[in-house]
C-alpha cells in the first residue's frame, strides 16, 4: 500500500512540474518592446527602433507607398499605404521615419518615410498646393502705328519694341 501511494505521489509530482511547450515564434507573433520609456506592440518581423519620440496623432497617406520592417529602405515590405487613408502615427524614429498603426490602433504596422504622410488637418491644403498650376495667358503686345505702312509692337515679357 505504501508503495502504491509513493508511486501515485511521484506521478502527480511529475505531471504538475510539466509545462506545455511555448508556441513557436514566427514573423506574425506579437511582441512587446520598450524604447525610451514607451511600450510598443508589434509583430516579431518589425524591428525595434533605437530611438522613439511619441507623436500619437492622425495622419493621411499622400501616396501609395510601402510599409517596411525597418526604418530605412533596406527593410522588408510588410504592406502598402492606401492613398488618402488615415493612419495613426505612433512616433518618430531614427532616420526621420515614422512608426505607424492603423487608424486609432496601438499595434505598430511598420515604418514609412516622413514624406509619405501629412497631418490629417493639413491633407486637403497639401493636395491643393501640390496641383500643377495653369500658366496665365501671355499678355498681349502693345502696338502703335508708326506710319501708314508699318507699326511698332512692344513685347510683353521683355518690353522690347519691334518695328514691323
Protein backbone atom coordinates (compact mmCIF):
# COMPACT_ATOMS: atom_id res chain seq x y z
CA UNK A 1 0.00 0.00 0.00
CA UNK A 2 2.81 2.40 0.85
CA UNK A 3 4.48 1.68 -2.47
CA UNK A 4 1.25 2.41 -4.32
CA UNK A 5 0.88 5.76 -2.52
CA UNK A 6 4.51 6.61 -3.22
CA UNK A 7 4.11 5.87 -6.95
CA UNK A 8 0.89 7.96 -7.11
CA UNK A 9 2.64 10.86 -5.41
CA UNK A 10 5.58 10.55 -7.81
CA UNK A 11 3.27 10.59 -10.89
CA UNK A 12 1.38 13.64 -9.58
CA UNK A 13 4.64 15.49 -8.88
CA UNK A 14 5.96 14.78 -12.38
CA UNK A 15 2.73 15.87 -14.06
CA UNK A 16 2.47 19.08 -12.01
CA UNK A 17 6.06 20.00 -12.92
CA UNK A 18 5.39 19.68 -16.67
CA UNK A 19 4.60 22.81 -18.65
CA UNK A 20 3.10 22.99 -22.09
CA UNK A 21 5.73 23.95 -24.64
CA UNK A 22 5.69 27.59 -25.70
CA UNK A 23 4.32 28.18 -29.19
CA UNK A 24 6.99 28.72 -31.82
CA UNK A 25 7.82 32.35 -32.62
CA UNK A 26 7.21 33.34 -36.23
CA UNK A 27 7.04 36.67 -38.11
CA UNK A 28 3.40 37.27 -37.09
CA UNK A 29 3.89 36.67 -33.36
CA UNK A 30 3.03 39.80 -31.37
CA UNK A 31 5.80 41.05 -29.12
CA UNK A 32 6.15 43.99 -26.74
CA UNK A 33 9.21 46.24 -26.66
CA UNK A 34 10.18 49.28 -24.62
CA UNK A 35 12.03 52.20 -26.24
CA UNK A 36 12.68 55.49 -24.40
CA UNK A 37 10.08 54.53 -21.78
CA UNK A 38 7.34 53.85 -24.38
CA UNK A 39 5.83 50.38 -24.76
CA UNK A 40 5.39 49.29 -28.38
CA UNK A 41 3.28 46.34 -29.52
CA UNK A 42 4.36 44.96 -32.90
CA UNK A 43 4.83 41.81 -34.94
CA UNK A 44 8.10 39.94 -34.46
CA UNK A 45 9.19 40.80 -38.03
CA UNK A 46 9.10 44.57 -37.28
CA UNK A 47 12.49 45.73 -35.97
CA UNK A 48 12.57 47.59 -32.66
CA UNK A 49 13.66 51.23 -33.22
CA UNK A 50 16.77 52.57 -31.50
CA UNK A 51 15.13 55.93 -30.78
CA UNK A 52 11.44 56.73 -30.37
CA UNK A 53 9.68 60.07 -29.90
CA UNK A 54 5.91 59.67 -29.32
CA UNK A 55 3.50 61.55 -31.64
CA UNK A 56 0.15 59.65 -31.40
CA UNK A 57 -1.63 61.78 -33.99
CA UNK A 58 -3.80 61.15 -37.05
CA UNK A 59 -2.05 61.40 -40.45
CA UNK A 60 -3.13 60.68 -44.03
CA UNK A 61 -1.15 58.98 -46.80
CA UNK A 62 -0.11 61.24 -49.67
CA UNK A 63 0.66 58.31 -51.98
CA UNK A 64 0.55 54.54 -52.09
CA UNK A 65 3.92 53.67 -50.55
CA UNK A 66 5.42 50.68 -48.77
CA UNK A 67 5.29 49.95 -45.05
CA UNK A 68 8.70 48.50 -44.17
CA UNK A 69 10.02 46.31 -41.34
CA UNK A 70 12.94 48.66 -40.58
CA UNK A 71 13.22 52.46 -40.61
CA UNK A 72 15.20 52.52 -43.87
CA UNK A 73 14.76 51.40 -47.46
CA UNK A 74 16.61 48.13 -46.79
CA UNK A 75 13.69 46.67 -44.81
CA UNK A 76 11.21 44.04 -45.89
CA UNK A 77 7.92 45.30 -47.40
CA UNK A 78 5.14 44.35 -44.97
CA UNK A 79 2.15 46.10 -46.56
CA UNK A 80 1.19 49.10 -48.68
CA UNK A 81 -0.14 52.51 -47.69
CA UNK A 82 -3.50 53.33 -49.21
CA UNK A 83 -3.55 56.74 -50.89
CA UNK A 84 -5.64 59.12 -48.74
CA UNK A 85 -6.19 56.54 -45.97
CA UNK A 86 -5.90 57.71 -42.35
CA UNK A 87 -3.23 56.17 -40.09
CA UNK A 88 -2.13 56.80 -36.52
CA UNK A 89 1.50 57.87 -36.31
CA UNK A 90 2.76 56.35 -33.08
CA UNK A 91 6.05 58.19 -33.16
CA UNK A 92 9.15 59.39 -34.92
CA UNK A 93 12.15 57.07 -35.10
CA UNK A 94 15.71 57.28 -36.40
CA UNK A 95 16.45 58.45 -39.96
CA UNK A 96 13.36 60.71 -39.94
CA UNK A 97 10.96 57.77 -40.38
CA UNK A 98 7.55 57.33 -38.78
CA UNK A 99 6.21 54.31 -36.88
CA UNK A 100 2.57 53.83 -37.91
CA UNK A 101 -0.52 51.89 -36.87
CA UNK A 102 -3.99 51.52 -38.34
CA UNK A 103 -6.28 54.44 -37.51
CA UNK A 104 -6.97 54.55 -33.73
CA UNK A 105 -4.99 51.36 -33.08
CA UNK A 106 -1.87 50.73 -30.94
CA UNK A 107 -0.27 47.80 -32.81
CA UNK A 108 2.66 49.11 -34.87
CA UNK A 109 2.42 48.06 -38.55
CA UNK A 110 5.93 49.18 -39.50
CA UNK A 111 7.80 52.23 -40.75
CA UNK A 112 7.28 54.77 -43.55
CA UNK A 113 9.33 57.81 -44.63
CA UNK A 114 8.01 61.05 -43.16
CA UNK A 115 7.25 62.49 -46.61
CA UNK A 116 4.66 59.73 -47.20
CA UNK A 117 2.21 61.13 -44.63
CA UNK A 118 0.81 64.51 -43.67
CA UNK A 119 -1.28 65.55 -40.65
CA UNK A 120 -4.95 64.91 -41.34
CA UNK A 121 -5.95 68.55 -40.89
CA UNK A 122 -3.35 69.64 -43.50
CA UNK A 123 -4.21 66.96 -46.09
CA UNK A 124 -6.57 69.00 -48.31
CA UNK A 125 -4.29 72.04 -48.20
CA UNK A 126 -1.26 69.93 -49.13
CA UNK A 127 -3.04 68.36 -52.11
CA UNK A 128 -4.23 71.74 -53.32
CA UNK A 129 -0.72 73.19 -53.07
CA UNK A 130 0.74 70.23 -54.97
CA UNK A 131 -1.57 70.53 -58.01
CA UNK A 132 0.02 71.84 -61.18
CA UNK A 133 -1.00 75.39 -61.93
CA UNK A 134 -2.14 76.53 -65.33
CA UNK A 135 0.07 79.17 -66.82
CA UNK A 136 -1.55 82.53 -67.18
CA UNK A 137 -2.21 83.54 -70.74
CA UNK A 138 0.56 85.78 -72.06
CA UNK A 139 -0.09 89.49 -72.07
CA UNK A 140 -0.98 90.96 -75.41
CA UNK A 141 1.61 93.04 -77.13
CA UNK A 142 1.07 96.80 -77.19
CA UNK A 143 1.15 98.07 -80.78
CA UNK A 144 1.15 101.59 -82.27
CA UNK A 145 1.12 102.78 -85.88
CA UNK A 146 4.39 104.31 -86.99
CA UNK A 147 3.25 105.45 -90.42
CA UNK A 148 0.63 104.25 -92.87
CA UNK A 149 2.56 101.07 -93.80
CA UNK A 150 4.16 99.88 -90.52
CA UNK A 151 3.59 99.53 -86.82
CA UNK A 152 5.74 99.05 -83.71
CA UNK A 153 4.85 96.42 -81.08
CA UNK A 154 6.24 96.08 -77.57
CA UNK A 155 6.92 92.52 -76.32
CA UNK A 156 5.10 91.92 -73.04
CA UNK A 157 7.77 89.71 -71.48
CA UNK A 158 10.85 91.83 -72.23
CA UNK A 159 9.50 95.30 -73.03
CA UNK A 160 11.44 95.42 -76.32
CA UNK A 161 9.90 97.38 -79.21
CA UNK A 162 9.88 95.72 -82.64
CA UNK A 163 9.05 97.60 -85.85
CA UNK A 164 7.08 95.60 -88.40
